[in-house]
PDB file of N, CA and C in Angstrom:
ATOM      1  N   MET A   1      73.178  51.445  62.282  1.00  0.00           N
ATOM      2  CA  MET A   1      72.849  50.285  61.475  1.00  0.00           C
ATOM      3  C   MET A   1      71.416  50.369  60.947  1.00  0.00           C
ATOM      4  N   LYS A   2      70.504  50.986  61.710  1.00  0.00           N
ATOM      5  CA  LYS A   2      69.121  51.065  61.290  1.00  0.00           C
ATOM      6  C   LYS A   2      68.976  51.883  60.007  1.00  0.00           C
ATOM      7  N   VAL A   3      69.747  52.940  59.873  1.00  0.00           N
ATOM      8  CA  VAL A   3      69.692  53.780  58.676  1.00  0.00           C
ATOM      9  C   VAL A   3      70.105  52.967  57.449  1.00  0.00           C
ATOM     10  N   LYS A   4      71.124  52.167  57.602  1.00  0.00           N
ATOM     11  CA  LYS A   4      71.610  51.333  56.503  1.00  0.00           C
ATOM     12  C   LYS A   4      70.523  50.344  56.059  1.00  0.00           C
ATOM     13  N   ARG A   5      69.827  49.764  57.013  1.00  0.00           N
ATOM     14  CA  ARG A   5      68.755  48.819  56.683  1.00  0.00           C
ATOM     15  C   ARG A   5      67.601  49.512  55.970  1.00  0.00           C
ATOM     16  N   VAL A   6      67.282  50.721  56.382  1.00  0.00           N
ATOM     17  CA  VAL A   6      66.218  51.496  55.732  1.00  0.00           C
ATOM     18  C   VAL A   6      66.624  51.822  54.293  1.00  0.00           C
ATOM     19  N   ILE A   7      67.876  52.202  54.109  1.00  0.00           N
ATOM     20  CA  ILE A   7      68.366  52.509  52.760  1.00  0.00           C
ATOM     21  C   ILE A   7      68.275  51.265  51.872  1.00  0.00           C
ATOM     22  N   TYR A   8      68.690  50.110  52.385  1.00  0.00           N
ATOM     23  CA  TYR A   8      68.577  48.874  51.611  1.00  0.00           C
ATOM     24  C   TYR A   8      67.119  48.565  51.282  1.00  0.00           C
ATOM     25  N   PHE A   9      66.224  48.808  52.223  1.00  0.00           N
ATOM     26  CA  PHE A   9      64.805  48.551  51.982  1.00  0.00           C
ATOM     27  C   PHE A   9      64.272  49.468  50.884  1.00  0.00           C
ATOM     28  N   VAL A  10      64.644  50.731  50.927  1.00  0.00           N
ATOM     29  CA  VAL A  10      64.191  51.691  49.907  1.00  0.00           C
ATOM     30  C   VAL A  10      64.719  51.281  48.535  1.00  0.00           C
ATOM     31  N   PHE A  11      66.000  50.898  48.472  1.00  0.00           N
ATOM     32  CA  PHE A  11      66.559  50.428  47.199  1.00  0.00           C
ATOM     33  C   PHE A  11      65.834  49.164  46.732  1.00  0.00           C
ATOM     34  N   GLY A  12      65.547  48.262  47.650  1.00  0.00           N
ATOM     35  CA  GLY A  12      64.828  47.038  47.300  1.00  0.00           C
ATOM     36  C   GLY A  12      63.456  47.342  46.726  1.00  0.00           C
ATOM     37  N   ALA A  13      62.737  48.248  47.352  1.00  0.00           N
ATOM     38  CA  ALA A  13      61.410  48.631  46.865  1.00  0.00           C
ATOM     39  C   ALA A  13      61.501  49.307  45.497  1.00  0.00           C
ATOM     40  N   THR A  14      62.530  50.121  45.318  1.00  0.00           N
ATOM     41  CA  THR A  14      62.728  50.800  44.026  1.00  0.00           C
ATOM     42  C   THR A  14      63.031  49.792  42.928  1.00  0.00           C
ATOM     43  N   PHE A  15      63.963  48.861  43.204  1.00  0.00           N
ATOM     44  CA  PHE A  15      64.304  47.850  42.202  1.00  0.00           C
ATOM     45  C   PHE A  15      63.121  46.942  41.895  1.00  0.00           C
ATOM     46  N   LEU A  16      62.341  46.604  42.911  1.00  0.00           N
ATOM     47  CA  LEU A  16      61.164  45.772  42.688  1.00  0.00           C
ATOM     48  C   LEU A  16      60.135  46.513  41.835  1.00  0.00           C
ATOM     49  N   SER A  17      59.970  47.798  42.070  1.00  0.00           N
ATOM     50  CA  SER A  17      59.056  48.601  41.257  1.00  0.00           C
ATOM     51  C   SER A  17      59.511  48.640  39.800  1.00  0.00           C
ATOM     52  N   LEU A  18      60.809  48.821  39.588  1.00  0.00           N
ATOM     53  CA  LEU A  18      61.337  48.820  38.222  1.00  0.00           C
ATOM     54  C   LEU A  18      61.145  47.457  37.563  1.00  0.00           C
ATOM     55  N   GLY A  19      61.330  46.394  38.339  1.00  0.00           N
ATOM     56  CA  GLY A  19      61.102  45.046  37.810  1.00  0.00           C
ATOM     57  C   GLY A  19      59.657  44.827  37.431  1.00  0.00           C
ATOM     58  N   ALA A  20      58.736  45.337  38.249  1.00  0.00           N
ATOM     59  CA  ALA A  20      57.306  45.209  37.948  1.00  0.00           C
ATOM     60  C   ALA A  20      56.946  45.996  36.688  1.00  0.00           C
ATOM     61  N   ILE A  21      57.515  47.171  36.550  1.00  0.00           N
ATOM     62  CA  ILE A  21      57.289  47.966  35.341  1.00  0.00           C
ATOM     63  C   ILE A  21      57.876  47.227  34.135  1.00  0.00           C
ATOM     64  N   GLY A  22      59.048  46.620  34.330  1.00  0.00           N
ATOM     65  CA  GLY A  22      59.688  45.871  33.251  1.00  0.00           C
ATOM     66  C   GLY A  22      58.904  44.650  32.811  1.00  0.00           C
ATOM     67  N   ALA A  23      58.039  44.151  33.690  1.00  0.00           N
ATOM     68  CA  ALA A  23      57.217  43.000  33.318  1.00  0.00           C
ATOM     69  C   ALA A  23      56.195  43.370  32.248  1.00  0.00           C
ATOM     70  N   VAL A  24      55.806  44.640  32.188  1.00  0.00           N
ATOM     71  CA  VAL A  24      54.836  45.072  31.190  1.00  0.00           C
ATOM     72  C   VAL A  24      55.422  46.001  30.135  1.00  0.00           C
ATOM     73  N   LEU A  25      56.586  46.564  30.396  1.00  0.00           N
ATOM     74  CA  LEU A  25      57.238  47.465  29.448  1.00  0.00           C
ATOM     75  C   LEU A  25      58.472  46.762  28.893  1.00  0.00           C
ATOM     76  N   PRO A  26      58.479  46.436  27.609  1.00  0.00           N
ATOM     77  CA  PRO A  26      59.547  45.603  27.068  1.00  0.00           C
ATOM     78  C   PRO A  26      60.947  46.218  27.084  1.00  0.00           C
ATOM     79  N   LEU A  27      61.071  47.507  27.310  1.00  0.00           N
ATOM     80  CA  LEU A  27      62.393  48.117  27.296  1.00  0.00           C
ATOM     81  C   LEU A  27      63.136  47.985  28.621  1.00  0.00           C
ATOM     82  N   LEU A  28      62.439  47.632  29.683  1.00  0.00           N
ATOM     83  CA  LEU A  28      63.068  47.442  30.993  1.00  0.00           C
ATOM     84  C   LEU A  28      63.151  45.949  31.301  1.00  0.00           C
ATOM     85  N   PRO A  29      64.310  45.489  31.704  1.00  0.00           N
ATOM     86  CA  PRO A  29      64.412  44.073  32.061  1.00  0.00           C
ATOM     87  C   PRO A  29      63.813  43.811  33.441  1.00  0.00           C
ATOM     88  N   THR A  30      63.132  42.713  33.592  1.00  0.00           N
ATOM     89  CA  THR A  30      62.501  42.379  34.865  1.00  0.00           C
ATOM     90  C   THR A  30      63.467  41.683  35.801  1.00  0.00           C
ATOM     91  N   THR A  31      64.092  40.626  35.321  1.00  0.00           N
ATOM     92  CA  THR A  31      64.883  39.740  36.176  1.00  0.00           C
ATOM     93  C   THR A  31      66.006  40.447  36.934  1.00  0.00           C
ATOM     94  N   PRO A  32      66.858  41.258  36.275  1.00  0.00           N
ATOM     95  CA  PRO A  32      67.937  41.896  37.050  1.00  0.00           C
ATOM     96  C   PRO A  32      67.430  42.777  38.186  1.00  0.00           C
ATOM     97  N   PHE A  33      66.347  43.500  37.935  1.00  0.00           N
ATOM     98  CA  PHE A  33      65.804  44.373  38.983  1.00  0.00           C
ATOM     99  C   PHE A  33      65.214  43.564  40.135  1.00  0.00           C
ATOM    100  N   VAL A  34      64.548  42.473  39.821  1.00  0.00           N
ATOM    101  CA  VAL A  34      63.968  41.633  40.878  1.00  0.00           C
ATOM    102  C   VAL A  34      65.075  40.982  41.702  1.00  0.00           C
ATOM    103  N   ILE A  35      66.134  40.544  41.043  1.00  0.00           N
ATOM    104  CA  ILE A  35      67.264  39.935  41.762  1.00  0.00           C
ATOM    105  C   ILE A  35      67.946  40.968  42.654  1.00  0.00           C
ATOM    106  N   LEU A  36      68.124  42.178  42.150  1.00  0.00           N
ATOM    107  CA  LEU A  36      68.698  43.251  42.982  1.00  0.00           C
ATOM    108  C   LEU A  36      67.786  43.578  44.159  1.00  0.00           C
ATOM    109  N   ALA A  37      66.482  43.567  43.917  1.00  0.00           N
ATOM    110  CA  ALA A  37      65.528  43.822  45.006  1.00  0.00           C
ATOM    111  C   ALA A  37      65.664  42.755  46.086  1.00  0.00           C
ATOM    112  N   ALA A  38      65.777  41.493  45.671  1.00  0.00           N
ATOM    113  CA  ALA A  38      65.924  40.403  46.649  1.00  0.00           C
ATOM    114  C   ALA A  38      67.206  40.577  47.459  1.00  0.00           C
ATOM    115  N   LEU A  39      68.273  40.975  46.788  1.00  0.00           N
ATOM    116  CA  LEU A  39      69.543  41.200  47.491  1.00  0.00           C
ATOM    117  C   LEU A  39      69.394  42.326  48.519  1.00  0.00           C
ATOM    118  N   CYS A  40      68.778  43.419  48.109  1.00  0.00           N
ATOM    119  CA  CYS A  40      68.587  44.552  49.034  1.00  0.00           C
ATOM    120  C   CYS A  40      67.649  44.184  50.177  1.00  0.00           C
ATOM    121  N   PHE A  41      66.557  43.487  49.872  1.00  0.00           N
ATOM    122  CA  PHE A  41      65.634  43.068  50.924  1.00  0.00           C
ATOM    123  C   PHE A  41      66.315  42.117  51.899  1.00  0.00           C
ATOM    124  N   GLY A  42      67.199  41.272  51.384  1.00  0.00           N
ATOM    125  CA  GLY A  42      67.943  40.351  52.248  1.00  0.00           C
ATOM    126  C   GLY A  42      68.834  41.084  53.234  1.00  0.00           C
ATOM    127  N   LYS A  43      69.331  42.238  52.828  1.00  0.00           N
ATOM    128  CA  LYS A  43      70.189  43.022  53.716  1.00  0.00           C
ATOM    129  C   LYS A  43      69.390  43.969  54.610  1.00  0.00           C
ATOM    130  N   SER A  44      68.112  44.180  54.261  1.00  0.00           N
ATOM    131  CA  SER A  44      67.326  45.118  55.059  1.00  0.00           C
ATOM    132  C   SER A  44      66.538  44.422  56.163  1.00  0.00           C
ATOM    133  N   SER A  45      65.829  43.337  55.805  1.00  0.00           N
ATOM    134  CA  SER A  45      65.057  42.647  56.832  1.00  0.00           C
ATOM    135  C   SER A  45      64.722  41.231  56.379  1.00  0.00           C
ATOM    136  N   GLU A  46      64.686  40.346  57.344  1.00  0.00           N
ATOM    137  CA  GLU A  46      64.364  38.950  57.064  1.00  0.00           C
ATOM    138  C   GLU A  46      62.926  38.827  56.555  1.00  0.00           C
ATOM    139  N   ARG A  47      62.047  39.623  57.104  1.00  0.00           N
ATOM    140  CA  ARG A  47      60.636  39.584  56.708  1.00  0.00           C
ATOM    141  C   ARG A  47      60.464  39.991  55.241  1.00  0.00           C
ATOM    142  N   ALA A  48      61.159  41.044  54.808  1.00  0.00           N
ATOM    143  CA  ALA A  48      61.066  41.502  53.420  1.00  0.00           C
ATOM    144  C   ALA A  48      61.651  40.459  52.468  1.00  0.00           C
ATOM    145  N   GLU A  49      62.741  39.834  52.879  1.00  0.00           N
ATOM    146  CA  GLU A  49      63.353  38.795  52.050  1.00  0.00           C
ATOM    147  C   GLU A  49      62.409  37.602  51.896  1.00  0.00           C
ATOM    148  N   LYS A  50      61.793  37.176  52.989  1.00  0.00           N
ATOM    149  CA  LYS A  50      60.834  36.063  52.923  1.00  0.00           C
ATOM    150  C   LYS A  50      59.659  36.427  52.027  1.00  0.00           C
ATOM    151  N   TRP A  51      59.206  37.659  52.117  1.00  0.00           N
ATOM    152  CA  TRP A  51      58.075  38.087  51.307  1.00  0.00           C
ATOM    153  C   TRP A  51      58.393  37.991  49.820  1.00  0.00           C
ATOM    154  N   ILE A  52      59.545  38.513  49.415  1.00  0.00           N
ATOM    155  CA  ILE A  52      59.857  38.505  47.984  1.00  0.00           C
ATOM    156  C   ILE A  52      60.142  37.083  47.483  1.00  0.00           C
ATOM    157  N   LEU A  53      60.725  36.249  48.330  1.00  0.00           N
ATOM    158  CA  LEU A  53      60.998  34.872  47.920  1.00  0.00           C
ATOM    159  C   LEU A  53      59.716  34.058  47.788  1.00  0.00           C
ATOM    160  N   SER A  54      58.693  34.409  48.559  1.00  0.00           N
ATOM    161  CA  SER A  54      57.436  33.671  48.490  1.00  0.00           C
ATOM    162  C   SER A  54      56.411  34.335  47.569  1.00  0.00           C
ATOM    163  N   ASN A  55      56.760  35.462  46.992  1.00  0.00           N
ATOM    164  CA  ASN A  55      55.856  36.173  46.101  1.00  0.00           C
ATOM    165  C   ASN A  55      55.567  35.330  44.867  1.00  0.00           C
ATOM    166  N   LYS A  56      54.283  35.187  44.514  1.00  0.00           N
ATOM    167  CA  LYS A  56      53.920  34.292  43.412  1.00  0.00           C
ATOM    168  C   LYS A  56      54.382  34.807  42.053  1.00  0.00           C
ATOM    169  N   TYR A  57      54.638  36.091  41.926  1.00  0.00           N
ATOM    170  CA  TYR A  57      55.087  36.641  40.646  1.00  0.00           C
ATOM    171  C   TYR A  57      56.609  36.685  40.529  1.00  0.00           C
ATOM    172  N   PHE A  58      57.294  37.029  41.603  1.00  0.00           N
ATOM    173  CA  PHE A  58      58.734  37.249  41.516  1.00  0.00           C
ATOM    174  C   PHE A  58      59.583  36.165  42.170  1.00  0.00           C
ATOM    175  N   GLY A  59      58.993  35.360  43.032  1.00  0.00           N
ATOM    176  CA  GLY A  59      59.758  34.339  43.744  1.00  0.00           C
ATOM    177  C   GLY A  59      60.447  33.358  42.813  1.00  0.00           C
ATOM    178  N   ALA A  60      59.774  32.971  41.747  1.00  0.00           N
ATOM    179  CA  ALA A  60      60.344  32.003  40.800  1.00  0.00           C
ATOM    180  C   ALA A  60      61.571  32.575  40.093  1.00  0.00           C
ATOM    181  N   TYR A  61      61.539  33.873  39.764  1.00  0.00           N
ATOM    182  CA  TYR A  61      62.696  34.498  39.120  1.00  0.00           C
ATOM    183  C   TYR A  61      63.941  34.326  40.000  1.00  0.00           C
ATOM    184  N   ILE A  62      63.761  34.616  41.270  1.00  0.00           N
ATOM    185  CA  ILE A  62      64.885  34.589  42.201  1.00  0.00           C
ATOM    186  C   ILE A  62      65.381  33.164  42.416  1.00  0.00           C
ATOM    187  N   GLU A  63      64.461  32.235  42.626  1.00  0.00           N
ATOM    188  CA  GLU A  63      64.855  30.832  42.841  1.00  0.00           C
ATOM    189  C   GLU A  63      65.559  30.258  41.617  1.00  0.00           C
ATOM    190  N   ASN A  64      65.035  30.542  40.435  1.00  0.00           N
ATOM    191  CA  ASN A  64      65.678  30.053  39.214  1.00  0.00           C
ATOM    192  C   ASN A  64      67.084  30.620  39.067  1.00  0.00           C
ATOM    193  N   TYR A  65      67.246  31.887  39.435  1.00  0.00           N
ATOM    194  CA  TYR A  65      68.566  32.511  39.344  1.00  0.00           C
ATOM    195  C   TYR A  65      69.520  31.945  40.394  1.00  0.00           C
ATOM    196  N   ARG A  66      69.067  31.837  41.628  1.00  0.00           N
ATOM    197  CA  ARG A  66      69.910  31.324  42.712  1.00  0.00           C
ATOM    198  C   ARG A  66      70.370  29.894  42.461  1.00  0.00           C
ATOM    199  N   ASN A  67      69.458  29.070  41.962  1.00  0.00           N
ATOM    200  CA  ASN A  67      69.767  27.651  41.756  1.00  0.00           C
ATOM    201  C   ASN A  67      70.323  27.354  40.367  1.00  0.00           C
ATOM    202  N   LYS A  68      70.450  28.383  39.528  1.00  0.00           N
ATOM    203  CA  LYS A  68      70.954  28.229  38.156  1.00  0.00           C
ATOM    204  C   LYS A  68      70.218  27.129  37.409  1.00  0.00           C
ATOM    205  N   VAL A  69      68.899  27.138  37.573  1.00  0.00           N
ATOM    206  CA  VAL A  69      68.054  26.115  36.972  1.00  0.00           C
ATOM    207  C   VAL A  69      67.681  26.486  35.538  1.00  0.00           C
ATOM    208  N   GLY A  70      67.461  27.731  35.265  1.00  0.00           N
ATOM    209  CA  GLY A  70      67.043  28.173  33.945  1.00  0.00           C
ATOM    210  C   GLY A  70      65.601  28.641  33.943  1.00  0.00           C
ATOM    211  N   ILE A  71      65.120  28.951  32.750  1.00  0.00           N
ATOM    212  CA  ILE A  71      63.767  29.459  32.574  1.00  0.00           C
ATOM    213  C   ILE A  71      62.962  28.420  31.795  1.00  0.00           C
ATOM    214  N   PRO A  72      61.753  28.129  32.232  1.00  0.00           N
ATOM    215  CA  PRO A  72      60.930  27.174  31.478  1.00  0.00           C
ATOM    216  C   PRO A  72      60.707  27.645  30.035  1.00  0.00           C
ATOM    217  N   LEU A  73      60.653  26.697  29.107  1.00  0.00           N
ATOM    218  CA  LEU A  73      60.505  27.014  27.688  1.00  0.00           C
ATOM    219  C   LEU A  73      59.243  27.828  27.421  1.00  0.00           C
ATOM    220  N   LYS A  74      58.137  27.483  28.083  1.00  0.00           N
ATOM    221  CA  LYS A  74      56.894  28.215  27.817  1.00  0.00           C
ATOM    222  C   LYS A  74      57.007  29.678  28.262  1.00  0.00           C
ATOM    223  N   ILE A  75      57.781  29.949  29.306  1.00  0.00           N
ATOM    224  CA  ILE A  75      57.989  31.335  29.749  1.00  0.00           C
ATOM    225  C   ILE A  75      58.844  32.082  28.724  1.00  0.00           C
ATOM    226  N   LYS A  76      59.858  31.407  28.172  1.00  0.00           N
ATOM    227  CA  LYS A  76      60.682  32.027  27.137  1.00  0.00           C
ATOM    228  C   LYS A  76      59.821  32.402  25.930  1.00  0.00           C
ATOM    229  N   ILE A  77      58.981  31.470  25.508  1.00  0.00           N
ATOM    230  CA  ILE A  77      58.137  31.708  24.341  1.00  0.00           C
ATOM    231  C   ILE A  77      57.163  32.850  24.609  1.00  0.00           C
ATOM    232  N   ARG A  78      56.508  32.825  25.771  1.00  0.00           N
ATOM    233  CA  ARG A  78      55.572  33.907  26.129  1.00  0.00           C
ATOM    234  C   ARG A  78      56.280  35.255  26.191  1.00  0.00           C
ATOM    235  N   SER A  79      57.477  35.260  26.751  1.00  0.00           N
ATOM    236  CA  SER A  79      58.228  36.516  26.877  1.00  0.00           C
ATOM    237  C   SER A  79      58.548  37.099  25.505  1.00  0.00           C
ATOM    238  N   ILE A  80      58.988  36.258  24.600  1.00  0.00           N
ATOM    239  CA  ILE A  80      59.343  36.740  23.264  1.00  0.00           C
ATOM    240  C   ILE A  80      58.095  37.202  22.512  1.00  0.00           C
ATOM    241  N   ILE A  81      56.987  36.468  22.639  1.00  0.00           N
ATOM    242  CA  ILE A  81      55.743  36.879  21.978  1.00  0.00           C
ATOM    243  C   ILE A  81      55.253  38.216  22.534  1.00  0.00           C
ATOM    244  N   PHE A  82      55.246  38.345  23.860  1.00  0.00           N
ATOM    245  CA  PHE A  82      54.789  39.588  24.478  1.00  0.00           C
ATOM    246  C   PHE A  82      55.713  40.747  24.091  1.00  0.00           C
ATOM    247  N   LEU A  83      57.014  40.497  24.089  1.00  0.00           N
ATOM    248  CA  LEU A  83      57.986  41.518  23.714  1.00  0.00           C
ATOM    249  C   LEU A  83      57.689  42.049  22.316  1.00  0.00           C
ATOM    250  N   TRP A  84      57.553  41.132  21.357  1.00  0.00           N
ATOM    251  CA  TRP A  84      57.338  41.562  19.980  1.00  0.00           C
ATOM    252  C   TRP A  84      55.969  42.187  19.777  1.00  0.00           C
ATOM    253  N   ALA A  85      54.968  41.723  20.486  1.00  0.00           N
ATOM    254  CA  ALA A  85      53.644  42.345  20.385  1.00  0.00           C
ATOM    255  C   ALA A  85      53.720  43.797  20.850  1.00  0.00           C
ATOM    256  N   ALA A  86      54.369  44.024  21.980  1.00  0.00           N
ATOM    257  CA  ALA A  86      54.500  45.388  22.509  1.00  0.00           C
ATOM    258  C   ALA A  86      55.357  46.256  21.590  1.00  0.00           C
ATOM    259  N   LEU A  87      56.418  45.679  21.041  1.00  0.00           N
ATOM    260  CA  LEU A  87      57.274  46.450  20.135  1.00  0.00           C
ATOM    261  C   LEU A  87      56.541  46.818  18.850  1.00  0.00           C
ATOM    262  N   ILE A  88      55.785  45.882  18.303  1.00  0.00           N
ATOM    263  CA  ILE A  88      55.058  46.166  17.069  1.00  0.00           C
ATOM    264  C   ILE A  88      54.001  47.253  17.300  1.00  0.00           C
ATOM    265  N   VAL A  89      53.295  47.164  18.418  1.00  0.00           N
ATOM    266  CA  VAL A  89      52.312  48.218  18.743  1.00  0.00           C
ATOM    267  C   VAL A  89      53.020  49.566  18.871  1.00  0.00           C
ATOM    268  N   SER A  90      54.172  49.568  19.511  1.00  0.00           N
ATOM    269  CA  SER A  90      54.940  50.823  19.659  1.00  0.00           C
ATOM    270  C   SER A  90      55.403  51.341  18.303  1.00  0.00           C
ATOM    271  N   MET A  91      55.841  50.441  17.425  1.00  0.00           N
ATOM    272  CA  MET A  91      56.289  50.853  16.089  1.00  0.00           C
ATOM    273  C   MET A  91      55.138  51.468  15.296  1.00  0.00           C
ATOM    274  N   ILE A  92      53.977  50.852  15.370  1.00  0.00           N
ATOM    275  CA  ILE A  92      52.812  51.353  14.644  1.00  0.00           C
ATOM    276  C   ILE A  92      52.357  52.688  15.228  1.00  0.00           C
ATOM    277  N   TYR A  93      52.352  52.787  16.553  1.00  0.00           N
ATOM    278  CA  TYR A  93      51.877  53.993  17.216  1.00  0.00           C
ATOM    279  C   TYR A  93      52.766  55.197  16.927  1.00  0.00           C
ATOM    280  N   THR A  94      54.089  54.998  16.949  1.00  0.00           N
ATOM    281  CA  THR A  94      55.008  56.123  16.746  1.00  0.00           C
ATOM    282  C   THR A  94      55.207  56.427  15.262  1.00  0.00           C
ATOM    283  N   TRP A  95      55.193  55.405  14.446  1.00  0.00           N
ATOM    284  CA  TRP A  95      55.320  55.533  13.002  1.00  0.00           C
ATOM    285  C   TRP A  95      56.492  56.429  12.587  1.00  0.00           C
ATOM    286  N   SER A  96      57.634  56.198  13.195  1.00  0.00           N
ATOM    287  CA  SER A  96      58.861  56.923  12.877  1.00  0.00           C
ATOM    288  C   SER A  96      59.925  55.911  12.468  1.00  0.00           C
ATOM    289  N   PHE A  97      60.635  56.211  11.394  1.00  0.00           N
ATOM    290  CA  PHE A  97      61.639  55.269  10.900  1.00  0.00           C
ATOM    291  C   PHE A  97      62.744  55.037  11.933  1.00  0.00           C
ATOM    292  N   LEU A  98      63.215  56.095  12.563  1.00  0.00           N
ATOM    293  CA  LEU A  98      64.270  55.972  13.565  1.00  0.00           C
ATOM    294  C   LEU A  98      63.799  55.127  14.754  1.00  0.00           C
ATOM    295  N   THR A  99      62.593  55.394  15.219  1.00  0.00           N
ATOM    296  CA  THR A  99      62.031  54.607  16.321  1.00  0.00           C
ATOM    297  C   THR A  99      61.878  53.155  15.906  1.00  0.00           C
ATOM    298  N   PHE A 100      61.441  52.922  14.670  1.00  0.00           N
ATOM    299  CA  PHE A 100      61.299  51.567  14.152  1.00  0.00           C
ATOM    300  C   PHE A 100      62.638  50.827  14.218  1.00  0.00           C
ATOM    301  N   ILE A 101      63.703  51.455  13.761  1.00  0.00           N
ATOM    302  CA  ILE A 101      65.038  50.830  13.767  1.00  0.00           C
ATOM    303  C   ILE A 101      65.503  50.561  15.189  1.00  0.00           C
ATOM    304  N   ILE A 102      65.327  51.524  16.072  1.00  0.00           N
ATOM    305  CA  ILE A 102      65.753  51.348  17.473  1.00  0.00           C
ATOM    306  C   ILE A 102      64.981  50.204  18.121  1.00  0.00           C
ATOM    307  N   LEU A 103      63.660  50.182  17.947  1.00  0.00           N
ATOM    308  CA  LEU A 103      62.857  49.116  18.544  1.00  0.00           C
ATOM    309  C   LEU A 103      63.174  47.756  17.929  1.00  0.00           C
ATOM    310  N   LEU A 104      63.480  47.727  16.651  1.00  0.00           N
ATOM    311  CA  LEU A 104      63.867  46.481  15.991  1.00  0.00           C
ATOM    312  C   LEU A 104      65.170  45.943  16.589  1.00  0.00           C
ATOM    313  N   ILE A 105      66.135  46.813  16.781  1.00  0.00           N
ATOM    314  CA  ILE A 105      67.416  46.405  17.380  1.00  0.00           C
ATOM    315  C   ILE A 105      67.207  45.935  18.818  1.00  0.00           C
ATOM    316  N   VAL A 106      66.423  46.692  19.588  1.00  0.00           N
ATOM    317  CA  VAL A 106      66.124  46.304  20.972  1.00  0.00           C
ATOM    318  C   VAL A 106      65.449  44.938  21.001  1.00  0.00           C
ATOM    319  N   GLY A 107      64.482  44.730  20.112  1.00  0.00           N
ATOM    320  CA  GLY A 107      63.784  43.454  20.048  1.00  0.00           C
ATOM    321  C   GLY A 107      64.708  42.294  19.724  1.00  0.00           C
ATOM    322  N   ILE A 108      65.591  42.495  18.779  1.00  0.00           N
ATOM    323  CA  ILE A 108      66.534  41.433  18.398  1.00  0.00           C
ATOM    324  C   ILE A 108      67.479  41.122  19.548  1.00  0.00           C
ATOM    325  N   VAL A 109      67.999  42.150  20.202  1.00  0.00           N
ATOM    326  CA  VAL A 109      68.937  41.944  21.308  1.00  0.00           C
ATOM    327  C   VAL A 109      68.255  41.234  22.482  1.00  0.00           C
ATOM    328  N   ILE A 110      67.083  41.696  22.873  1.00  0.00           N
ATOM    329  CA  ILE A 110      66.388  41.087  24.014  1.00  0.00           C
ATOM    330  C   ILE A 110      65.922  39.676  23.672  1.00  0.00           C
ATOM    331  N   SER A 111      65.434  39.466  22.459  1.00  0.00           N
ATOM    332  CA  SER A 111      65.034  38.113  22.051  1.00  0.00           C
ATOM    333  C   SER A 111      66.223  37.164  22.070  1.00  0.00           C
ATOM    334  N   SER A 112      67.367  37.637  21.604  1.00  0.00           N
ATOM    335  CA  SER A 112      68.581  36.814  21.625  1.00  0.00           C
ATOM    336  C   SER A 112      68.983  36.476  23.054  1.00  0.00           C
ATOM    337  N   HIS A 113      68.888  37.464  23.926  1.00  0.00           N
ATOM    338  CA  HIS A 113      69.239  37.244  25.330  1.00  0.00           C
ATOM    339  C   HIS A 113      68.321  36.190  25.950  1.00  0.00           C
ATOM    340  N   ILE A 114      67.029  36.313  25.717  1.00  0.00           N
ATOM    341  CA  ILE A 114      66.075  35.343  26.269  1.00  0.00           C
ATOM    342  C   ILE A 114      66.343  33.959  25.700  1.00  0.00           C
ATOM    343  N   TYR A 115      66.596  33.891  24.400  1.00  0.00           N
ATOM    344  CA  TYR A 115      66.855  32.609  23.753  1.00  0.00           C
ATOM    345  C   TYR A 115      68.108  31.937  24.327  1.00  0.00           C
ATOM    346  N   LEU A 116      69.128  32.730  24.615  1.00  0.00           N
ATOM    347  CA  LEU A 116      70.399  32.179  25.096  1.00  0.00           C
ATOM    348  C   LEU A 116      70.392  31.786  26.576  1.00  0.00           C
ATOM    349  N   LEU A 117      69.393  32.233  27.319  1.00  0.00           N
ATOM    350  CA  LEU A 117      69.299  31.822  28.717  1.00  0.00           C
ATOM    351  C   LEU A 117      69.066  30.312  28.795  1.00  0.00           C
ATOM    352  N   LYS A 118      69.604  29.710  29.812  1.00  0.00           N
ATOM    353  CA  LYS A 118      69.430  28.274  29.988  1.00  0.00           C
ATOM    354  C   LYS A 118      67.942  27.937  30.100  1.00  0.00           C
ATOM    355  N   THR A 119      67.546  26.858  29.414  1.00  0.00           N
ATOM    356  CA  THR A 119      66.153  26.420  29.464  1.00  0.00           C
ATOM    357  C   THR A 119      65.980  25.379  30.562  1.00  0.00           C
ATOM    358  N   LYS A 120      65.009  25.641  31.409  1.00  0.00           N
ATOM    359  CA  LYS A 120      64.716  24.738  32.527  1.00  0.00           C
ATOM    360  C   LYS A 120      63.977  23.499  32.013  1.00  0.00           C
ATOM    361  N   GLN A 121      64.503  22.343  32.354  1.00  0.00           N
ATOM    362  CA  GLN A 121      63.851  21.085  31.970  1.00  0.00           C
ATOM    363  C   GLN A 121      62.746  20.777  32.969  1.00  0.00           C
ATOM    364  N   GLU A 122      61.563  20.518  32.455  1.00  0.00           N
ATOM    365  CA  GLU A 122      60.425  20.255  33.347  1.00  0.00           C
ATOM    366  C   GLU A 122      60.147  18.768  33.423  1.00  0.00           C
TER     367      GLU A 122
END
């Protein structure tokens, strides 16, 4: 059983790392990785689960998902602004038509996804 818990912990740490990278890199989603990390940490150790649930950066993602509360409007707006800022910088930096089209499609899809998520009433 100990090996299984270690494997869950390693997966949890990996998913949390991907979620953290996704917080600054617009092509990786943050929320699914953080939720998977919480699930893995929950199966690995109570201490790790408590840590991620109380984490000031990721705890809210998990609680909002578990309680089906939604995302605050200001977070949605910030996410979309940050997404497009990063995409525009990437488009300018690469200056390739194909990359421009791909990033434009990615931006539209992710913006639509964020917009369609339930908005948390404050």
